[in-house]
Amino acid sequence: MDPSEIEQMIKTGFEDALVKVMSGDNTHFEALVVAEEFAGKRPLARHQLVYKCLGSLVGNEIHALSIKALTPDEWRAAGGGA
């Protein structure tokens, strides 16, 4: 599966999110998702929101997915968006 397809699927599940998906082999993926919807949520709940966007692809076409899920404030504090 192409990373851009996954990126688009994740973007549709969030309002105004920054989404970047990378892969070296098109089965193992790394995703950066920066979204206001993550505010006040623990990491597990954040990951579940991302997985919800991808449905049954996770574990099938998407063999492995590493997620970095941040709020915009966390992203700025980490040096992103500067």
PDB file of N, CA and C in Angstrom:
ATOM      1  N   MET A   1       0.858  -1.177   0.000  1.00  0.00           N
ATOM      2  CA  MET A   1       0.000   0.000   0.000  1.00  0.00           C
ATOM      3  C   MET A   1       0.904   1.240   0.000  1.00  0.00           C
ATOM      4  N   ASP A   2       0.507   2.233  -0.728  1.00  0.00           N
ATOM      5  CA  ASP A   2       1.296   3.457  -0.855  1.00  0.00           C
ATOM      6  C   ASP A   2       1.079   4.362   0.358  1.00  0.00           C
ATOM      7  N   PRO A   3       2.160   4.922   0.917  1.00  0.00           N
ATOM      8  CA  PRO A   3       2.014   5.802   2.089  1.00  0.00           C
ATOM      9  C   PRO A   3       1.063   6.976   1.867  1.00  0.00           C
ATOM     10  N   SER A   4       1.006   7.495   0.650  1.00  0.00           N
ATOM     11  CA  SER A   4       0.109   8.634   0.388  1.00  0.00           C
ATOM     12  C   SER A   4      -1.363   8.244   0.540  1.00  0.00           C
ATOM     13  N   GLU A   5      -1.702   6.994   0.225  1.00  0.00           N
ATOM     14  CA  GLU A   5      -3.076   6.515   0.411  1.00  0.00           C
ATOM     15  C   GLU A   5      -3.443   6.500   1.895  1.00  0.00           C
ATOM     16  N   ILE A   6      -2.527   6.005   2.713  1.00  0.00           N
ATOM     17  CA  ILE A   6      -2.755   5.948   4.157  1.00  0.00           C
ATOM     18  C   ILE A   6      -2.862   7.355   4.724  1.00  0.00           C
ATOM     19  N   GLU A   7      -1.971   8.222   4.250  1.00  0.00           N
ATOM     20  CA  GLU A   7      -1.980   9.625   4.683  1.00  0.00           C
ATOM     21  C   GLU A   7      -3.348  10.247   4.435  1.00  0.00           C
ATOM     22  N   GLN A   8      -3.890  10.037   3.239  1.00  0.00           N
ATOM     23  CA  GLN A   8      -5.185  10.614   2.894  1.00  0.00           C
ATOM     24  C   GLN A   8      -6.299  10.038   3.757  1.00  0.00           C
ATOM     25  N   MET A   9      -6.259   8.746   4.028  1.00  0.00           N
ATOM     26  CA  MET A   9      -7.289   8.117   4.863  1.00  0.00           C
ATOM     27  C   MET A   9      -7.276   8.693   6.275  1.00  0.00           C
ATOM     28  N   ILE A  10      -6.083   8.906   6.816  1.00  0.00           N
ATOM     29  CA  ILE A  10      -5.971   9.476   8.161  1.00  0.00           C
ATOM     30  C   ILE A  10      -6.477  10.917   8.157  1.00  0.00           C
ATOM     31  N   LYS A  11      -6.111  11.679   7.142  1.00  0.00           N
ATOM     32  CA  LYS A  11      -6.544  13.087   7.053  1.00  0.00           C
ATOM     33  C   LYS A  11      -8.059  13.219   7.059  1.00  0.00           C
ATOM     34  N   THR A  12      -8.754  12.271   6.445  1.00  0.00           N
ATOM     35  CA  THR A  12     -10.214  12.372   6.387  1.00  0.00           C
ATOM     36  C   THR A  12     -10.852  12.201   7.764  1.00  0.00           C
ATOM     37  N   GLY A  13     -10.134  11.602   8.712  1.00  0.00           N
ATOM     38  CA  GLY A  13     -10.682  11.376  10.042  1.00  0.00           C
ATOM     39  C   GLY A  13     -10.453  12.509  11.021  1.00  0.00           C
ATOM     40  N   PHE A  14      -9.723  13.530  10.597  1.00  0.00           N
ATOM     41  CA  PHE A  14      -9.391  14.646  11.487  1.00  0.00           C
ATOM     42  C   PHE A  14      -9.621  15.969  10.774  1.00  0.00           C
ATOM     43  N   GLU A  15      -9.938  16.975  11.543  1.00  0.00           N
ATOM     44  CA  GLU A  15     -10.122  18.309  10.987  1.00  0.00           C
ATOM     45  C   GLU A  15      -8.807  19.075  11.059  1.00  0.00           C
ATOM     46  N   ASP A  16      -8.317  19.522   9.918  1.00  0.00           N
ATOM     47  CA  ASP A  16      -7.094  20.331   9.843  1.00  0.00           C
ATOM     48  C   ASP A  16      -5.873  19.655  10.472  1.00  0.00           C
ATOM     49  N   ALA A  17      -5.694  18.384  10.253  1.00  0.00           N
ATOM     50  CA  ALA A  17      -4.548  17.670  10.824  1.00  0.00           C
ATOM     51  C   ALA A  17      -3.351  17.736   9.889  1.00  0.00           C
ATOM     52  N   LEU A  18      -2.170  17.709  10.497  1.00  0.00           N
ATOM     53  CA  LEU A  18      -0.932  17.511   9.762  1.00  0.00           C
ATOM     54  C   LEU A  18      -0.673  16.011   9.804  1.00  0.00           C
ATOM     55  N   VAL A  19      -0.552  15.383   8.648  1.00  0.00           N
ATOM     56  CA  VAL A  19      -0.335  13.940   8.583  1.00  0.00           C
ATOM     57  C   VAL A  19       0.810  13.656   7.629  1.00  0.00           C
ATOM     58  N   LYS A  20       1.776  12.889   8.102  1.00  0.00           N
ATOM     59  CA  LYS A  20       2.882  12.435   7.258  1.00  0.00           C
ATOM     60  C   LYS A  20       3.051  10.942   7.498  1.00  0.00           C
ATOM     61  N   VAL A  21       3.080  10.173   6.415  1.00  0.00           N
ATOM     62  CA  VAL A  21       3.258   8.729   6.512  1.00  0.00           C
ATOM     63  C   VAL A  21       4.454   8.334   5.661  1.00  0.00           C
ATOM     64  N   MET A  22       5.342   7.543   6.261  1.00  0.00           N
ATOM     65  CA  MET A  22       6.544   7.088   5.576  1.00  0.00           C
ATOM     66  C   MET A  22       6.624   5.569   5.628  1.00  0.00           C
ATOM     67  N   SER A  23       7.282   4.984   4.604  1.00  0.00           N
ATOM     68  CA  SER A  23       7.475   3.537   4.575  1.00  0.00           C
ATOM     69  C   SER A  23       8.661   3.208   3.680  1.00  0.00           C
ATOM     70  N   GLY A  24       9.424   2.219   4.096  1.00  0.00           N
ATOM     71  CA  GLY A  24      10.524   1.747   3.267  1.00  0.00           C
ATOM     72  C   GLY A  24      10.135   0.557   2.413  1.00  0.00           C
ATOM     73  N   ASP A  25       9.037  -0.123   2.779  1.00  0.00           N
ATOM     74  CA  ASP A  25       8.663  -1.349   2.071  1.00  0.00           C
ATOM     75  C   ASP A  25       7.174  -1.449   1.737  1.00  0.00           C
ATOM     76  N   ASN A  26       6.409  -0.421   2.020  1.00  0.00           N
ATOM     77  CA  ASN A  26       4.967  -0.368   1.748  1.00  0.00           C
ATOM     78  C   ASN A  26       4.147  -1.427   2.497  1.00  0.00           C
ATOM     79  N   THR A  27       4.685  -1.950   3.599  1.00  0.00           N
ATOM     80  CA  THR A  27       3.907  -2.794   4.509  1.00  0.00           C
ATOM     81  C   THR A  27       4.120  -2.377   5.960  1.00  0.00           C
ATOM     82  N   HIS A  28       5.277  -1.777   6.251  1.00  0.00           N
ATOM     83  CA  HIS A  28       5.598  -1.248   7.578  1.00  0.00           C
ATOM     84  C   HIS A  28       5.624   0.272   7.450  1.00  0.00           C
ATOM     85  N   PHE A  29       4.840   0.950   8.288  1.00  0.00           N
ATOM     86  CA  PHE A  29       4.663   2.390   8.126  1.00  0.00           C
ATOM     87  C   PHE A  29       4.933   3.145   9.425  1.00  0.00           C
ATOM     88  N   GLU A  30       5.345   4.394   9.254  1.00  0.00           N
ATOM     89  CA  GLU A  30       5.478   5.333  10.369  1.00  0.00           C
ATOM     90  C   GLU A  30       4.584   6.515  10.056  1.00  0.00           C
ATOM     91  N   ALA A  31       3.771   6.904  11.028  1.00  0.00           N
ATOM     92  CA  ALA A  31       2.858   8.025  10.813  1.00  0.00           C
ATOM     93  C   ALA A  31       3.067   9.090  11.882  1.00  0.00           C
ATOM     94  N   LEU A  32       3.111  10.326  11.434  1.00  0.00           N
ATOM     95  CA  LEU A  32       3.083  11.486  12.320  1.00  0.00           C
ATOM     96  C   LEU A  32       1.726  12.127  12.110  1.00  0.00           C
ATOM     97  N   VAL A  33       0.972  12.264  13.180  1.00  0.00           N
ATOM     98  CA  VAL A  33      -0.348  12.890  13.094  1.00  0.00           C
ATOM     99  C   VAL A  33      -0.408  13.986  14.157  1.00  0.00           C
ATOM    100  N   VAL A  34      -0.626  15.213  13.707  1.00  0.00           N
ATOM    101  CA  VAL A  34      -0.753  16.356  14.612  1.00  0.00           C
ATOM    102  C   VAL A  34      -2.181  16.867  14.476  1.00  0.00           C
ATOM    103  N   ALA A  35      -2.954  16.725  15.563  1.00  0.00           N
ATOM    104  CA  ALA A  35      -4.368  17.084  15.494  1.00  0.00           C
ATOM    105  C   ALA A  35      -4.865  17.608  16.836  1.00  0.00           C
ATOM    106  N   GLU A  36      -5.712  18.586  16.772  1.00  0.00           N
ATOM    107  CA  GLU A  36      -6.311  19.166  17.976  1.00  0.00           C
ATOM    108  C   GLU A  36      -7.165  18.139  18.716  1.00  0.00           C
ATOM    109  N   GLU A  37      -7.705  17.167  17.983  1.00  0.00           N
ATOM    110  CA  GLU A  37      -8.566  16.144  18.595  1.00  0.00           C
ATOM    111  C   GLU A  37      -7.837  15.316  19.647  1.00  0.00           C
ATOM    112  N   PHE A  38      -6.518  15.349  19.675  1.00  0.00           N
ATOM    113  CA  PHE A  38      -5.749  14.571  20.646  1.00  0.00           C
ATOM    114  C   PHE A  38      -5.665  15.251  22.019  1.00  0.00           C
ATOM    115  N   ALA A  39      -6.061  16.504  22.107  1.00  0.00           N
ATOM    116  CA  ALA A  39      -5.957  17.242  23.366  1.00  0.00           C
ATOM    117  C   ALA A  39      -6.719  16.519  24.478  1.00  0.00           C
ATOM    118  N   GLY A  40      -6.049  16.315  25.604  1.00  0.00           N
ATOM    119  CA  GLY A  40      -6.663  15.682  26.763  1.00  0.00           C
ATOM    120  C   GLY A  40      -6.777  14.173  26.685  1.00  0.00           C
ATOM    121  N   LYS A  41      -6.229  13.577  25.613  1.00  0.00           N
ATOM    122  CA  LYS A  41      -6.326  12.119  25.456  1.00  0.00           C
ATOM    123  C   LYS A  41      -4.969  11.462  25.720  1.00  0.00           C
ATOM    124  N   ARG A  42      -5.013  10.275  26.310  1.00  0.00           N
ATOM    125  CA  ARG A  42      -3.810   9.488  26.553  1.00  0.00           C
ATOM    126  C   ARG A  42      -3.329   8.882  25.227  1.00  0.00           C
ATOM    127  N   PRO A  43      -2.063   8.442  25.179  1.00  0.00           N
ATOM    128  CA  PRO A  43      -1.532   7.884  23.926  1.00  0.00           C
ATOM    129  C   PRO A  43      -2.383   6.763  23.323  1.00  0.00           C
ATOM    130  N   LEU A  44      -2.891   5.846  24.130  1.00  0.00           N
ATOM    131  CA  LEU A  44      -3.691   4.751  23.594  1.00  0.00           C
ATOM    132  C   LEU A  44      -4.938   5.274  22.884  1.00  0.00           C
ATOM    133  N   ALA A  45      -5.618   6.230  23.479  1.00  0.00           N
ATOM    134  CA  ALA A  45      -6.823   6.800  22.866  1.00  0.00           C
ATOM    135  C   ALA A  45      -6.476   7.530  21.568  1.00  0.00           C
ATOM    136  N   ARG A  46      -5.329   8.170  21.538  1.00  0.00           N
ATOM    137  CA  ARG A  46      -4.882   8.863  20.317  1.00  0.00           C
ATOM    138  C   ARG A  46      -4.653   7.842  19.199  1.00  0.00           C
ATOM    139  N   HIS A  47      -3.974   6.753  19.534  1.00  0.00           N
ATOM    140  CA  HIS A  47      -3.698   5.714  18.535  1.00  0.00           C
ATOM    141  C   HIS A  47      -5.002   5.092  18.041  1.00  0.00           C
ATOM    142  N   GLN A  48      -5.951   4.896  18.933  1.00  0.00           N
ATOM    143  CA  GLN A  48      -7.231   4.319  18.532  1.00  0.00           C
ATOM    144  C   GLN A  48      -7.960   5.219  17.535  1.00  0.00           C
ATOM    145  N   LEU A  49      -7.842   6.528  17.699  1.00  0.00           N
ATOM    146  CA  LEU A  49      -8.455   7.457  16.744  1.00  0.00           C
ATOM    147  C   LEU A  49      -7.837   7.299  15.357  1.00  0.00           C
ATOM    148  N   VAL A  50      -6.522   7.099  15.327  1.00  0.00           N
ATOM    149  CA  VAL A  50      -5.837   6.914  14.039  1.00  0.00           C
ATOM    150  C   VAL A  50      -6.241   5.568  13.431  1.00  0.00           C
ATOM    151  N   TYR A  51      -6.214   4.502  14.238  1.00  0.00           N
ATOM    152  CA  TYR A  51      -6.594   3.180  13.736  1.00  0.00           C
ATOM    153  C   TYR A  51      -8.020   3.174  13.184  1.00  0.00           C
ATOM    154  N   LYS A  52      -8.902   3.937  13.803  1.00  0.00           N
ATOM    155  CA  LYS A  52     -10.295   4.014  13.365  1.00  0.00           C
ATOM    156  C   LYS A  52     -10.382   4.510  11.918  1.00  0.00           C
ATOM    157  N   CYS A  53      -9.493   5.402  11.535  1.00  0.00           N
ATOM    158  CA  CYS A  53      -9.468   5.929  10.167  1.00  0.00           C
ATOM    159  C   CYS A  53      -9.088   4.861   9.147  1.00  0.00           C
ATOM    160  N   LEU A  54      -8.335   3.855   9.587  1.00  0.00           N
ATOM    161  CA  LEU A  54      -7.790   2.850   8.671  1.00  0.00           C
ATOM    162  C   LEU A  54      -8.554   1.538   8.660  1.00  0.00           C
ATOM    163  N   GLY A  55      -9.394   1.340   9.651  1.00  0.00           N
ATOM    164  CA  GLY A  55     -10.252   0.152   9.684  1.00  0.00           C
ATOM    165  C   GLY A  55      -9.488  -1.155   9.573  1.00  0.00           C
ATOM    166  N   SER A  56      -9.987  -2.052   8.733  1.00  0.00           N
ATOM    167  CA  SER A  56      -9.426  -3.405   8.627  1.00  0.00           C
ATOM    168  C   SER A  56      -8.099  -3.473   7.875  1.00  0.00           C
ATOM    169  N   LEU A  57      -7.636  -2.356   7.344  1.00  0.00           N
ATOM    170  CA  LEU A  57      -6.337  -2.367   6.672  1.00  0.00           C
ATOM    171  C   LEU A  57      -5.206  -2.681   7.645  1.00  0.00           C
ATOM    172  N   VAL A  58      -5.384  -2.262   8.924  1.00  0.00           N
ATOM    173  CA  VAL A  58      -4.357  -2.515   9.936  1.00  0.00           C
ATOM    174  C   VAL A  58      -4.337  -4.010  10.224  1.00  0.00           C
ATOM    175  N   GLY A  59      -3.150  -4.587  10.106  1.00  0.00           N
ATOM    176  CA  GLY A  59      -2.999  -6.023  10.304  1.00  0.00           C
ATOM    177  C   GLY A  59      -3.128  -6.808   9.013  1.00  0.00           C
ATOM    178  N   ASN A  60      -3.571  -6.155   7.966  1.00  0.00           N
ATOM    179  CA  ASN A  60      -3.690  -6.790   6.657  1.00  0.00           C
ATOM    180  C   ASN A  60      -2.738  -6.090   5.683  1.00  0.00           C
ATOM    181  N   GLU A  61      -3.248  -5.156   4.885  1.00  0.00           N
ATOM    182  CA  GLU A  61      -2.376  -4.418   3.969  1.00  0.00           C
ATOM    183  C   GLU A  61      -1.327  -3.613   4.733  1.00  0.00           C
ATOM    184  N   ILE A  62      -1.706  -3.113   5.901  1.00  0.00           N
ATOM    185  CA  ILE A  62      -0.774  -2.386   6.767  1.00  0.00           C
ATOM    186  C   ILE A  62      -0.319  -3.370   7.835  1.00  0.00           C
ATOM    187  N   HIS A  63       0.834  -3.976   7.599  1.00  0.00           N
ATOM    188  CA  HIS A  63       1.327  -5.003   8.515  1.00  0.00           C
ATOM    189  C   HIS A  63       1.717  -4.405   9.874  1.00  0.00           C
ATOM    190  N   ALA A  64       2.367  -3.247   9.849  1.00  0.00           N
ATOM    191  CA  ALA A  64       2.791  -2.592  11.091  1.00  0.00           C
ATOM    192  C   ALA A  64       2.704  -1.081  10.911  1.00  0.00           C
ATOM    193  N   LEU A  65       2.275  -0.407  11.975  1.00  0.00           N
ATOM    194  CA  LEU A  65       2.129   1.044  11.933  1.00  0.00           C
ATOM    195  C   LEU A  65       2.636   1.639  13.239  1.00  0.00           C
ATOM    196  N   SER A  66       3.662   2.451  13.129  1.00  0.00           N
ATOM    197  CA  SER A  66       4.192   3.194  14.272  1.00  0.00           C
ATOM    198  C   SER A  66       3.579   4.591  14.203  1.00  0.00           C
ATOM    199  N   ILE A  67       2.972   5.027  15.303  1.00  0.00           N
ATOM    200  CA  ILE A  67       2.246   6.306  15.307  1.00  0.00           C
ATOM    201  C   ILE A  67       2.859   7.265  16.309  1.00  0.00           C
ATOM    202  N   LYS A  68       3.112   8.483  15.850  1.00  0.00           N
ATOM    203  CA  LYS A  68       3.459   9.589  16.735  1.00  0.00           C
ATOM    204  C   LYS A  68       2.281  10.551  16.638  1.00  0.00           C
ATOM    205  N   ALA A  69       1.497  10.641  17.703  1.00  0.00           N
ATOM    206  CA  ALA A  69       0.268  11.434  17.706  1.00  0.00           C
ATOM    207  C   ALA A  69       0.415  12.581  18.700  1.00  0.00           C
ATOM    208  N   LEU A  70       0.399  13.799  18.183  1.00  0.00           N
ATOM    209  CA  LEU A  70       0.630  14.986  19.005  1.00  0.00           C
ATOM    210  C   LEU A  70      -0.445  16.038  18.785  1.00  0.00           C
ATOM    211  N   THR A  71      -0.640  16.868  19.798  1.00  0.00           N
ATOM    212  CA  THR A  71      -1.483  18.051  19.621  1.00  0.00           C
ATOM    213  C   THR A  71      -0.618  19.111  18.928  1.00  0.00           C
ATOM    214  N   PRO A  72      -1.228  20.141  18.356  1.00  0.00           N
ATOM    215  CA  PRO A  72      -0.440  21.214  17.750  1.00  0.00           C
ATOM    216  C   PRO A  72       0.539  21.857  18.754  1.00  0.00           C
ATOM    217  N   ASP A  73       0.110  22.043  20.008  1.00  0.00           N
ATOM    218  CA  ASP A  73       1.007  22.622  21.012  1.00  0.00           C
ATOM    219  C   ASP A  73       2.203  21.708  21.289  1.00  0.00           C
ATOM    220  N   GLU A  74       1.950  20.404  21.379  1.00  0.00           N
ATOM    221  CA  GLU A  74       3.048  19.452  21.589  1.00  0.00           C
ATOM    222  C   GLU A  74       4.001  19.450  20.401  1.00  0.00           C
ATOM    223  N   TRP A  75       3.459  19.556  19.214  1.00  0.00           N
ATOM    224  CA  TRP A  75       4.260  19.580  17.989  1.00  0.00           C
ATOM    225  C   TRP A  75       5.156  20.816  17.958  1.00  0.00           C
ATOM    226  N   ARG A  76       4.592  21.975  18.308  1.00  0.00           N
ATOM    227  CA  ARG A  76       5.395  23.207  18.345  1.00  0.00           C
ATOM    228  C   ARG A  76       6.481  23.114  19.415  1.00  0.00           C
ATOM    229  N   ALA A  77       6.135  22.573  20.576  1.00  0.00           N
ATOM    230  CA  ALA A  77       7.101  22.427  21.682  1.00  0.00           C
ATOM    231  C   ALA A  77       8.252  21.490  21.297  1.00  0.00           C
ATOM    232  N   ALA A  78       7.958  20.524  20.422  1.00  0.00           N
ATOM    233  CA  ALA A  78       8.987  19.577  19.975  1.00  0.00           C
ATOM    234  C   ALA A  78       9.826  20.139  18.825  1.00  0.00           C
ATOM    235  N   GLY A  79       9.499  21.364  18.413  1.00  0.00           N
ATOM    236  CA  GLY A  79      10.270  22.005  17.349  1.00  0.00           C
ATOM    237  C   GLY A  79       9.668  21.866  15.961  1.00  0.00           C
ATOM    238  N   GLY A  80       8.494  21.251  15.885  1.00  0.00           N
ATOM    239  CA  GLY A  80       7.831  21.111  14.595  1.00  0.00           C
ATOM    240  C   GLY A  80       7.073  22.384  14.243  1.00  0.00           C
ATOM    241  N   GLY A  81       6.857  22.583  13.002  1.00  0.00           N
ATOM    242  CA  GLY A  81       6.074  23.720  12.551  1.00  0.00           C
ATOM    243  C   GLY A  81       6.747  25.066  12.749  1.00  0.00           C
ATOM    244  N   ALA A  82       8.037  25.034  13.085  1.00  0.00           N
ATOM    245  CA  ALA A  82       8.753  26.307  13.316  1.00  0.00           C
ATOM    246  C   ALA A  82       9.327  26.842  12.040  1.00  0.00           C
TER     247      ALA A  82
END
